[in-house]
C-alpha atoms as a PDB file:
ATOM      1  CA  UNK A   1       0.098   0.017   0.040  1.00  0.00           C
ATOM      2  CA  UNK A   2       1.483   3.250  -1.343  1.00  0.00           C
ATOM      3  CA  UNK A   3       1.447   6.283   1.572  1.00  0.00           C
ATOM      4  CA  UNK A   4       0.644   9.418   0.253  1.00  0.00           C
ATOM      5  CA  UNK A   5       4.145  11.622   0.439  1.00  0.00           C
ATOM      6  CA  UNK A   6       2.407  14.606   1.716  1.00  0.00           C
ATOM      7  CA  UNK A   7       0.206  13.240   4.426  1.00  0.00           C
ATOM      8  CA  UNK A   8       0.886  14.770   7.687  1.00  0.00           C
ATOM      9  CA  UNK A   9      -0.511  11.444  10.020  1.00  0.00           C
ATOM     10  CA  UNK A  10       2.946  11.511  11.497  1.00  0.00           C
ATOM     11  CA  UNK A  11       4.428  14.634  11.103  1.00  0.00           C
ATOM     12  CA  UNK A  12       5.415  16.579  14.585  1.00  0.00           C
ATOM     13  CA  UNK A  13       2.783  18.790  15.482  1.00  0.00           C
ATOM     14  CA  UNK A  14      -0.504  17.602  13.377  1.00  0.00           C
ATOM     15  CA  UNK A  15      -1.410  14.599  14.961  1.00  0.00           C
ATOM     16  CA  UNK A  16      -4.536  13.692  17.073  1.00  0.00           C
ATOM     17  CA  UNK A  17      -2.796  15.369  20.276  1.00  0.00           C
ATOM     18  CA  UNK A  18      -1.458  18.582  20.771  1.00  0.00           C
ATOM     19  CA  UNK A  19       1.939  19.701  21.489  1.00  0.00           C
ATOM     20  CA  UNK A  20       2.601  20.847  24.864  1.00  0.00           C
ATOM     21  CA  UNK A  21       2.997  24.448  23.714  1.00  0.00           C
ATOM     22  CA  UNK A  22      -0.126  24.259  21.862  1.00  0.00           C
ATOM     23  CA  UNK A  23      -1.894  22.966  24.945  1.00  0.00           C
ATOM     24  CA  UNK A  24      -0.458  25.394  27.345  1.00  0.00           C
ATOM     25  CA  UNK A  25      -1.585  28.345  25.309  1.00  0.00           C
ATOM     26  CA  UNK A  26      -4.987  27.260  24.532  1.00  0.00           C
ATOM     27  CA  UNK A  27      -5.796  26.268  28.380  1.00  0.00           C
ATOM     28  CA  UNK A  28      -4.267  29.265  29.581  1.00  0.00           C
ATOM     29  CA  UNK A  29      -6.005  31.869  27.689  1.00  0.00           C
ATOM     30  CA  UNK A  30      -8.091  34.698  28.964  1.00  0.00           C
ATOM     31  CA  UNK A  31     -11.877  34.605  28.256  1.00  0.00           C
ATOM     32  CA  UNK A  32     -13.910  37.254  29.237  1.00  0.00           C
ATOM     33  CA  UNK A  33     -17.544  39.129  28.392  1.00  0.00           C
ATOM     34  CA  UNK A  34     -17.513  42.257  27.006  1.00  0.00           C
ATOM     35  CA  UNK A  35     -20.351  44.427  25.519  1.00  0.00           C
ATOM     36  CA  UNK A  36     -19.777  45.957  22.075  1.00  0.00           C
ATOM     37  CA  UNK A  37     -22.317  47.833  19.834  1.00  0.00           C
ATOM     38  CA  UNK A  38     -25.349  46.619  22.681  1.00  0.00           C
ATOM     39  CA  UNK A  39     -23.973  42.918  22.396  1.00  0.00           C
ATOM     40  CA  UNK A  40     -22.231  40.665  24.729  1.00  0.00           C
ATOM     41  CA  UNK A  41     -19.177  38.529  23.305  1.00  0.00           C
ATOM     42  CA  UNK A  42     -16.685  36.493  24.284  1.00  0.00           C
ATOM     43  CA  UNK A  43     -13.213  37.923  23.938  1.00  0.00           C
ATOM     44  CA  UNK A  44      -9.957  36.532  24.343  1.00  0.00           C
ATOM     45  CA  UNK A  45      -6.490  37.855  24.926  1.00  0.00           C
ATOM     46  CA  UNK A  46      -5.433  40.619  26.905  1.00  0.00           C
ATOM     47  CA  UNK A  47      -4.861  44.264  26.216  1.00  0.00           C
ATOM     48  CA  UNK A  48      -0.715  44.741  26.202  1.00  0.00           C
ATOM     49  CA  UNK A  49      -0.515  48.562  26.610  1.00  0.00           C
ATOM     50  CA  UNK A  50      -2.332  49.382  29.906  1.00  0.00           C
ATOM     51  CA  UNK A  51      -1.363  46.051  31.146  1.00  0.00           C
ATOM     52  CA  UNK A  52       2.287  47.151  30.649  1.00  0.00           C
ATOM     53  CA  UNK A  53       1.763  50.078  33.016  1.00  0.00           C
ATOM     54  CA  UNK A  54      -0.008  48.272  35.585  1.00  0.00           C
ATOM     55  CA  UNK A  55       3.572  45.364  35.767  1.00  0.00           C
ATOM     56  CA  UNK A  56       5.869  48.566  35.525  1.00  0.00           C
ATOM     57  CA  UNK A  57       3.682  49.760  38.709  1.00  0.00           C
ATOM     58  CA  UNK A  58       3.864  45.994  40.278  1.00  0.00           C
ATOM     59  CA  UNK A  59       7.579  46.268  39.554  1.00  0.00           C
ATOM     60  CA  UNK A  60       8.338  49.352  41.234  1.00  0.00           C
ATOM     61  CA  UNK A  61       6.309  48.191  44.272  1.00  0.00           C
ATOM     62  CA  UNK A  62       8.012  45.040  44.327  1.00  0.00           C
ATOM     63  CA  UNK A  63      11.371  46.592  43.699  1.00  0.00           C
ATOM     64  CA  UNK A  64      10.578  49.405  47.031  1.00  0.00           C
ATOM     65  CA  UNK A  65      10.528  46.116  49.448  1.00  0.00           C
ATOM     66  CA  UNK A  66      13.618  44.599  47.912  1.00  0.00           C
ATOM     67  CA  UNK A  67      15.402  47.634  48.354  1.00  0.00           C
ATOM     68  CA  UNK A  68      14.121  48.437  52.254  1.00  0.00           C
ATOM     69  CA  UNK A  69      15.338  44.837  52.836  1.00  0.00           C
ATOM     70  CA  UNK A  70      18.425  46.042  51.627  1.00  0.00           C
ATOM     71  CA  UNK A  71      18.752  49.234  53.540  1.00  0.00           C
ATOM     72  CA  UNK A  72      18.012  51.915  50.772  1.00  0.00           C
ATOM     73  CA  UNK A  73      14.902  53.191  52.095  1.00  0.00           C
ATOM     74  CA  UNK A  74      15.462  57.046  49.568  1.00  0.00           C
ATOM     75  CA  UNK A  75      15.233  54.231  46.608  1.00  0.00           C
ATOM     76  CA  UNK A  76      12.470  52.313  48.045  1.00  0.00           C
ATOM     77  CA  UNK A  77      10.406  55.485  48.783  1.00  0.00           C
ATOM     78  CA  UNK A  78      11.020  57.036  45.647  1.00  0.00           C
ATOM     79  CA  UNK A  79      10.209  53.220  43.851  1.00  0.00           C
ATOM     80  CA  UNK A  80       6.758  53.705  45.283  1.00  0.00           C
ATOM     81  CA  UNK A  81       6.082  57.260  44.105  1.00  0.00           C
ATOM     82  CA  UNK A  82       7.348  55.930  40.769  1.00  0.00           C
ATOM     83  CA  UNK A  83       4.929  53.351  41.242  1.00  0.00           C
ATOM     84  CA  UNK A  84       1.830  55.927  41.965  1.00  0.00           C
ATOM     85  CA  UNK A  85       2.461  57.622  38.632  1.00  0.00           C
ATOM     86  CA  UNK A  86       2.557  54.389  36.446  1.00  0.00           C
ATOM     87  CA  UNK A  87      -0.667  53.666  38.224  1.00  0.00           C
ATOM     88  CA  UNK A  88      -2.361  56.746  37.096  1.00  0.00           C
ATOM     89  CA  UNK A  89      -1.306  56.414  33.914  1.00  0.00           C
ATOM     90  CA  UNK A  90      -2.608  52.590  32.872  1.00  0.00           C
ATOM     91  CA  UNK A  91      -6.395  53.888  33.540  1.00  0.00           C
ATOM     92  CA  UNK A  92      -5.754  56.783  31.615  1.00  0.00           C
ATOM     93  CA  UNK A  93      -3.910  54.848  28.627  1.00  0.00           C
ATOM     94  CA  UNK A  94      -7.033  52.448  28.672  1.00  0.00           C
ATOM     95  CA  UNK A  95      -9.356  54.791  28.761  1.00  0.00           C
ATOM     96  CA  UNK A  96      -8.101  56.912  26.153  1.00  0.00           C
ATOM     97  CA  UNK A  97      -7.398  54.040  23.498  1.00  0.00           C
ATOM     98  CA  UNK A  98     -10.442  52.282  24.661  1.00  0.00           C
ATOM     99  CA  UNK A  99      -8.718  48.853  25.765  1.00  0.00           C
ATOM    100  CA  UNK A 100     -10.737  48.679  29.287  1.00  0.00           C
ATOM    101  CA  UNK A 101     -11.068  45.248  30.522  1.00  0.00           C
ATOM    102  CA  UNK A 102     -11.923  43.041  33.611  1.00  0.00           C
ATOM    103  CA  UNK A 103      -8.723  41.595  33.225  1.00  0.00           C
ATOM    104  CA  UNK A 104      -7.058  44.927  33.223  1.00  0.00           C
ATOM    105  CA  UNK A 105      -9.168  46.113  36.597  1.00  0.00           C
ATOM    106  CA  UNK A 106      -8.485  42.747  38.533  1.00  0.00           C
ATOM    107  CA  UNK A 107      -4.779  43.132  38.060  1.00  0.00           C
ATOM    108  CA  UNK A 108      -4.601  46.817  38.361  1.00  0.00           C
ATOM    109  CA  UNK A 109      -6.773  46.006  41.748  1.00  0.00           C
ATOM    110  CA  UNK A 110      -3.851  43.254  42.747  1.00  0.00           C
ATOM    111  CA  UNK A 111      -0.773  45.516  41.806  1.00  0.00           C
ATOM    112  CA  UNK A 112      -2.078  48.201  43.865  1.00  0.00           C
ATOM    113  CA  UNK A 113      -2.216  45.979  46.909  1.00  0.00           C
ATOM    114  CA  UNK A 114       1.116  45.299  46.402  1.00  0.00           C
ATOM    115  CA  UNK A 115       2.541  48.842  45.483  1.00  0.00           C
ATOM    116  CA  UNK A 116       0.417  51.019  47.817  1.00  0.00           C
ATOM    117  CA  UNK A 117      -0.651  48.403  50.668  1.00  0.00           C
ATOM    118  CA  UNK A 118       2.258  45.476  51.157  1.00  0.00           C
ATOM    119  CA  UNK A 119       5.297  47.606  50.238  1.00  0.00           C
ATOM    120  CA  UNK A 120       4.705  51.123  52.220  1.00  0.00           C
ATOM    121  CA  UNK A 121       3.734  48.803  55.388  1.00  0.00           C
ATOM    122  CA  UNK A 122       6.842  46.879  55.135  1.00  0.00           C
ATOM    123  CA  UNK A 123       9.139  49.848  54.238  1.00  0.00           C
ATOM    124  CA  UNK A 124       8.012  51.496  56.836  1.00  0.00           C
ATOM    125  CA  UNK A 125       8.104  48.562  59.306  1.00  0.00           C
ATOM    126  CA  UNK A 126      11.922  47.454  58.178  1.00  0.00           C
ATOM    127  CA  UNK A 127      13.222  51.234  58.710  1.00  0.00           C
ATOM    128  CA  UNK A 128      11.620  52.051  61.757  1.00  0.00           C
ATOM    129  CA  UNK A 129       8.546  50.509  63.236  1.00  0.00           C
ATOM    130  CA  UNK A 130      10.403  47.306  63.964  1.00  0.00           C
ATOM    131  CA  UNK A 131      12.108  49.601  67.084  1.00  0.00           C
ATOM    132  CA  UNK A 132       9.100  49.792  68.682  1.00  0.00           C
ATOM    133  CA  UNK A 133       8.569  46.088  69.083  1.00  0.00           C
ATOM    134  CA  UNK A 134       5.008  43.982  68.812  1.00  0.00           C
ATOM    135  CA  UNK A 135       3.182  47.671  68.435  1.00  0.00           C
ATOM    136  CA  UNK A 136       5.374  48.825  65.289  1.00  0.00           C
ATOM    137  CA  UNK A 137       4.124  45.556  63.227  1.00  0.00           C
ATOM    138  CA  UNK A 138       0.687  45.232  64.371  1.00  0.00           C
ATOM    139  CA  UNK A 139       0.165  49.004  62.906  1.00  0.00           C
ATOM    140  CA  UNK A 140       2.108  48.373  59.717  1.00  0.00           C
ATOM    141  CA  UNK A 141      -0.133  44.959  59.416  1.00  0.00           C
ATOM    142  CA  UNK A 142      -3.241  47.469  59.906  1.00  0.00           C
ATOM    143  CA  UNK A 143      -2.051  49.507  57.459  1.00  0.00           C
ATOM    144  CA  UNK A 144      -1.755  46.880  55.010  1.00  0.00           C
ATOM    145  CA  UNK A 145      -5.141  45.376  55.731  1.00  0.00           C
ATOM    146  CA  UNK A 146      -6.827  48.770  55.850  1.00  0.00           C
ATOM    147  CA  UNK A 147      -4.832  48.915  51.975  1.00  0.00           C
ATOM    148  CA  UNK A 148      -6.897  45.742  51.174  1.00  0.00           C
ATOM    149  CA  UNK A 149     -10.467  46.658  52.726  1.00  0.00           C
ATOM    150  CA  UNK A 150     -10.108  50.104  50.846  1.00  0.00           C
ATOM    151  CA  UNK A 151      -9.527  48.340  47.547  1.00  0.00           C
ATOM    152  CA  UNK A 152     -11.982  45.613  47.912  1.00  0.00           C
ATOM    153  CA  UNK A 153     -14.828  48.138  48.912  1.00  0.00           C
ATOM    154  CA  UNK A 154     -13.579  50.622  46.075  1.00  0.00           C
ATOM    155  CA  UNK A 155     -14.258  47.578  43.441  1.00  0.00           C
ATOM    156  CA  UNK A 156     -17.467  46.949  44.466  1.00  0.00           C
ATOM    157  CA  UNK A 157     -18.444  50.193  44.610  1.00  0.00           C
ATOM    158  CA  UNK A 158     -17.424  51.313  40.827  1.00  0.00           C
ATOM    159  CA  UNK A 159     -20.277  53.441  38.919  1.00  0.00           C
ATOM    160  CA  UNK A 160     -22.411  53.632  42.207  1.00  0.00           C
ATOM    161  CA  UNK A 161     -20.765  56.711  44.094  1.00  0.00           C
ATOM    162  CA  UNK A 162     -20.186  60.183  42.741  1.00  0.00           C
ATOM    163  CA  UNK A 163     -16.714  60.166  40.524  1.00  0.00           C
ATOM    164  CA  UNK A 164     -16.026  63.850  42.106  1.00  0.00           C
ATOM    165  CA  UNK A 165     -15.142  62.371  45.313  1.00  0.00           C
ATOM    166  CA  UNK A 166     -13.426  59.235  46.919  1.00  0.00           C
ATOM    167  CA  UNK A 167     -15.032  57.467  49.911  1.00  0.00           C
ATOM    168  CA  UNK A 168     -12.096  56.810  52.146  1.00  0.00           C
ATOM    169  CA  UNK A 169      -8.400  58.078  51.112  1.00  0.00           C
ATOM    170  CA  UNK A 170      -6.956  56.681  48.340  1.00  0.00           C
ATOM    171  CA  UNK A 171      -4.348  53.886  48.489  1.00  0.00           C
ATOM    172  CA  UNK A 172      -1.990  55.772  46.318  1.00  0.00           C
ATOM    173  CA  UNK A 173      -2.283  58.649  48.752  1.00  0.00           C
ATOM    174  CA  UNK A 174      -1.849  57.052  51.541  1.00  0.00           C
ATOM    175  CA  UNK A 175       1.303  55.209  50.425  1.00  0.00           C
ATOM    176  CA  UNK A 176       2.586  58.807  49.165  1.00  0.00           C
ATOM    177  CA  UNK A 177       2.428  59.920  52.870  1.00  0.00           C
ATOM    178  CA  UNK A 178       4.154  56.918  54.202  1.00  0.00           C
ATOM    179  CA  UNK A 179       6.722  57.066  51.557  1.00  0.00           C
ATOM    180  CA  UNK A 180       7.000  60.604  51.839  1.00  0.00           C
ATOM    181  CA  UNK A 181       7.439  60.339  55.654  1.00  0.00           C
ATOM    182  CA  UNK A 182      10.374  57.609  55.663  1.00  0.00           C
ATOM    183  CA  UNK A 183      12.312  59.157  52.565  1.00  0.00           C
ATOM    184  CA  UNK A 184      12.162  62.839  54.962  1.00  0.00           C
ATOM    185  CA  UNK A 185      12.692  61.349  58.322  1.00  0.00           C
ATOM    186  CA  UNK A 186      15.500  58.946  57.232  1.00  0.00           C
ATOM    187  CA  UNK A 187      17.157  61.858  55.312  1.00  0.00           C
ATOM    188  CA  UNK A 188      17.541  64.002  58.188  1.00  0.00           C
ATOM    189  CA  UNK A 189      18.853  60.951  60.125  1.00  0.00           C
ATOM    190  CA  UNK A 190      15.257  61.668  62.271  1.00  0.00           C
ATOM    191  CA  UNK A 191      15.148  58.565  64.272  1.00  0.00           C
ATOM    192  CA  UNK A 192      15.012  59.697  67.825  1.00  0.00           C
ATOM    193  CA  UNK A 193      12.171  58.176  69.838  1.00  0.00           C
ATOM    194  CA  UNK A 194       9.493  61.023  69.105  1.00  0.00           C
ATOM    195  CA  UNK A 195      10.189  60.456  65.335  1.00  0.00           C
ATOM    196  CA  UNK A 196       9.474  56.673  65.628  1.00  0.00           C
ATOM    197  CA  UNK A 197       5.888  57.633  67.574  1.00  0.00           C
ATOM    198  CA  UNK A 198       5.101  60.419  64.870  1.00  0.00           C
ATOM    199  CA  UNK A 199       5.833  57.530  62.324  1.00  0.00           C
ATOM    200  CA  UNK A 200       3.663  55.149  63.914  1.00  0.00           C
ATOM    201  CA  UNK A 201       0.411  58.063  64.217  1.00  0.00           C
ATOM    202  CA  UNK A 202       1.291  58.467  60.218  1.00  0.00           C
ATOM    203  CA  UNK A 203       0.980  54.960  59.112  1.00  0.00           C
ATOM    204  CA  UNK A 204      -2.050  54.488  61.718  1.00  0.00           C
ATOM    205  CA  UNK A 205      -3.652  57.345  60.482  1.00  0.00           C
ATOM    206  CA  UNK A 206      -3.101  56.579  56.865  1.00  0.00           C
ATOM    207  CA  UNK A 207      -4.761  53.078  57.462  1.00  0.00           C
ATOM    208  CA  UNK A 208      -7.497  54.259  59.219  1.00  0.00           C
ATOM    209  CA  UNK A 209      -8.406  57.075  56.624  1.00  0.00           C
ATOM    210  CA  UNK A 210      -8.365  54.631  53.952  1.00  0.00           C
ATOM    211  CA  UNK A 211     -11.236  53.003  55.663  1.00  0.00           C
ATOM    212  CA  UNK A 212     -13.263  56.087  56.850  1.00  0.00           C
ATOM    213  CA  UNK A 213     -16.294  57.567  55.353  1.00  0.00           C
ATOM    214  CA  UNK A 214     -14.127  61.142  54.909  1.00  0.00           C
ATOM    215  CA  UNK A 215     -14.859  62.839  51.253  1.00  0.00           C
ATOM    216  CA  UNK A 216     -11.398  63.172  49.165  1.00  0.00           C
ATOM    217  CA  UNK A 217     -11.526  65.097  46.106  1.00  0.00           C
ATOM    218  CA  UNK A 218     -10.759  62.969  42.973  1.00  0.00           C
ATOM    219  CA  UNK A 219     -10.057  65.745  40.405  1.00  0.00           C
ATOM    220  CA  UNK A 220     -11.700  63.736  37.899  1.00  0.00           C
ATOM    221  CA  UNK A 221     -14.099  66.468  37.188  1.00  0.00           C
ATOM    222  CA  UNK A 222     -10.962  68.051  35.982  1.00  0.00           C
ATOM    223  CA  UNK A 223     -10.948  68.707  32.191  1.00  0.00           C
ATOM    224  CA  UNK A 224      -7.191  67.646  30.894  1.00  0.00           C
ATOM    225  CA  UNK A 225      -8.021  68.413  27.002  1.00  0.00           C
ATOM    226  CA  UNK A 226      -9.639  71.480  27.548  1.00  0.00           C
ATOM    227  CA  UNK A 227      -7.936  74.838  26.866  1.00  0.00           C
ATOM    228  CA  UNK A 228      -7.107  76.607  30.201  1.00  0.00           C
ATOM    229  CA  UNK A 229      -5.223  79.702  30.856  1.00  0.00           C
ATOM    230  CA  UNK A 230      -1.338  80.187  30.546  1.00  0.00           C
ATOM    231  CA  UNK A 231      -0.806  80.871  34.329  1.00  0.00           C
ATOM    232  CA  UNK A 232      -1.819  77.565  34.862  1.00  0.00           C
ATOM    233  CA  UNK A 233       1.185  75.844  33.040  1.00  0.00           C
ATOM    234  CA  UNK A 234       3.056  78.469  34.444  1.00  0.00           C
ATOM    235  CA  UNK A 235       1.850  76.990  38.077  1.00  0.00           C
ATOM    236  CA  UNK A 236       2.907  73.661  36.945  1.00  0.00           C
ATOM    237  CA  UNK A 237       6.352  74.707  36.022  1.00  0.00           C
ATOM    238  CA  UNK A 238       6.350  76.477  39.527  1.00  0.00           C
ATOM    239  CA  UNK A 239       5.603  73.337  41.351  1.00  0.00           C
ATOM    240  CA  UNK A 240       8.173  71.409  39.716  1.00  0.00           C
ATOM    241  CA  UNK A 241      10.703  73.665  40.300  1.00  0.00           C
ATOM    242  CA  UNK A 242       9.724  73.935  44.019  1.00  0.00           C
ATOM    243  CA  UNK A 243       9.474  70.436  44.213  1.00  0.00           C
ATOM    244  CA  UNK A 244      13.061  69.784  42.791  1.00  0.00           C
ATOM    245  CA  UNK A 245      14.591  72.171  45.909  1.00  0.00           C
ATOM    246  CA  UNK A 246      13.857  69.320  48.329  1.00  0.00           C
ATOM    247  CA  UNK A 247      11.763  66.603  46.991  1.00  0.00           C
ATOM    248  CA  UNK A 248      11.673  64.782  49.944  1.00  0.00           C
ATOM    249  CA  UNK A 249      10.032  67.509  51.763  1.00  0.00           C
ATOM    250  CA  UNK A 250       8.288  69.459  49.341  1.00  0.00           C
ATOM    251  CA  UNK A 251       6.493  65.745  48.310  1.00  0.00           C
ATOM    252  CA  UNK A 252       5.607  65.549  52.385  1.00  0.00           C
ATOM    253  CA  UNK A 253       3.859  68.380  52.610  1.00  0.00           C
ATOM    254  CA  UNK A 254       1.953  67.963  49.620  1.00  0.00           C
ATOM    255  CA  UNK A 255       0.671  64.817  50.839  1.00  0.00           C
ATOM    256  CA  UNK A 256       0.091  65.645  53.983  1.00  0.00           C
ATOM    257  CA  UNK A 257      -2.203  68.996  52.974  1.00  0.00           C
ATOM    258  CA  UNK A 258      -4.384  66.465  50.592  1.00  0.00           C
ATOM    259  CA  UNK A 259      -4.510  63.963  53.679  1.00  0.00           C
ATOM    260  CA  UNK A 260      -5.401  66.690  56.011  1.00  0.00           C
ATOM    261  CA  UNK A 261      -7.837  67.947  53.809  1.00  0.00           C
ATOM    262  CA  UNK A 262     -10.421  64.957  53.920  1.00  0.00           C
ATOM    263  CA  UNK A 263     -10.859  65.949  57.900  1.00  0.00           C
ATOM    264  CA  UNK A 264     -10.651  69.398  57.344  1.00  0.00           C
ATOM    265  CA  UNK A 265     -13.659  69.696  55.429  1.00  0.00           C
ATOM    266  CA  UNK A 266     -15.670  66.823  56.755  1.00  0.00           C
ATOM    267  CA  UNK A 267     -15.105  69.238  60.200  1.00  0.00           C
ATOM    268  CA  UNK A 268     -16.262  72.197  58.115  1.00  0.00           C
ATOM    269  CA  UNK A 269     -19.408  70.630  57.061  1.00  0.00           C
ATOM    270  CA  UNK A 270     -20.158  69.662  60.086  1.00  0.00           C
ATOM    271  CA  UNK A 271     -19.909  72.717  62.031  1.00  0.00           C
ATOM    272  CA  UNK A 272     -22.155  74.393  58.915  1.00  0.00           C
ATOM    273  CA  UNK A 273     -24.469  72.135  59.210  1.00  0.00           C
ATOM    274  CA  UNK A 274     -24.710  72.040  63.125  1.00  0.00           C
ATOM    275  CA  UNK A 275     -27.209  73.705  65.078  1.00  0.00           C
ATOM    276  CA  UNK A 276     -25.280  76.232  66.896  1.00  0.00           C
ATOM    277  CA  UNK A 277     -24.034  77.364  63.603  1.00  0.00           C
ATOM    278  CA  UNK A 278     -27.930  78.424  62.244  1.00  0.00           C
END
């Protein structure tokens, strides 16, 4: 019986069984439901561009922890700020390129947990909180747990709250406050017992504010595409100049003011609506 020379019966890759690489690609593929044109469709694969920013933010958060373990707390703090910038870009890139997806949202949330939850808590603990003993690691854990609760609450509240306001301190801002505090106090060798207590308060307060009901302005109603007066651009340039003079101190003042703005506005609203004020 002659055999067809073109038969692929015994050729590798064409048998009845898939090779290992093909099986891995098929079984690990991401498939999610999406709505396009008013119809639900099943979509394979993920969008590369926004997830590259998310991966970069995740890497920065992990690098911050590695730097802290190696005793480089300045670089650890800077890495958290870099993660914050990258985290702000991935969502905007996804919206601008119309590449939002459920996978991207979940991936971003997990990245935020490491970069703005675990990393700041670990950096603060390794630098100074461990010197306080059990209270130090309990407060560090409190921060991490509050970050996880904050992110979980934010995920289930998407689309159900006013986009102009965040309910509770955003985790990137809480991480920025902790990172700026570590960066500033470490730069000035501020390791006296008083600074340890201050750092304990900063980390605990940042954690509690994340899960509070205090409202924070989200800046999401700012139109970045519309024209603005020239003085706005001048103010931004001056802001960069001021920050570059002493970055750690200026960033601490900036984010410290934002963190304090929530309780301050809540107190003003309470006083305004109190019976004694009327």
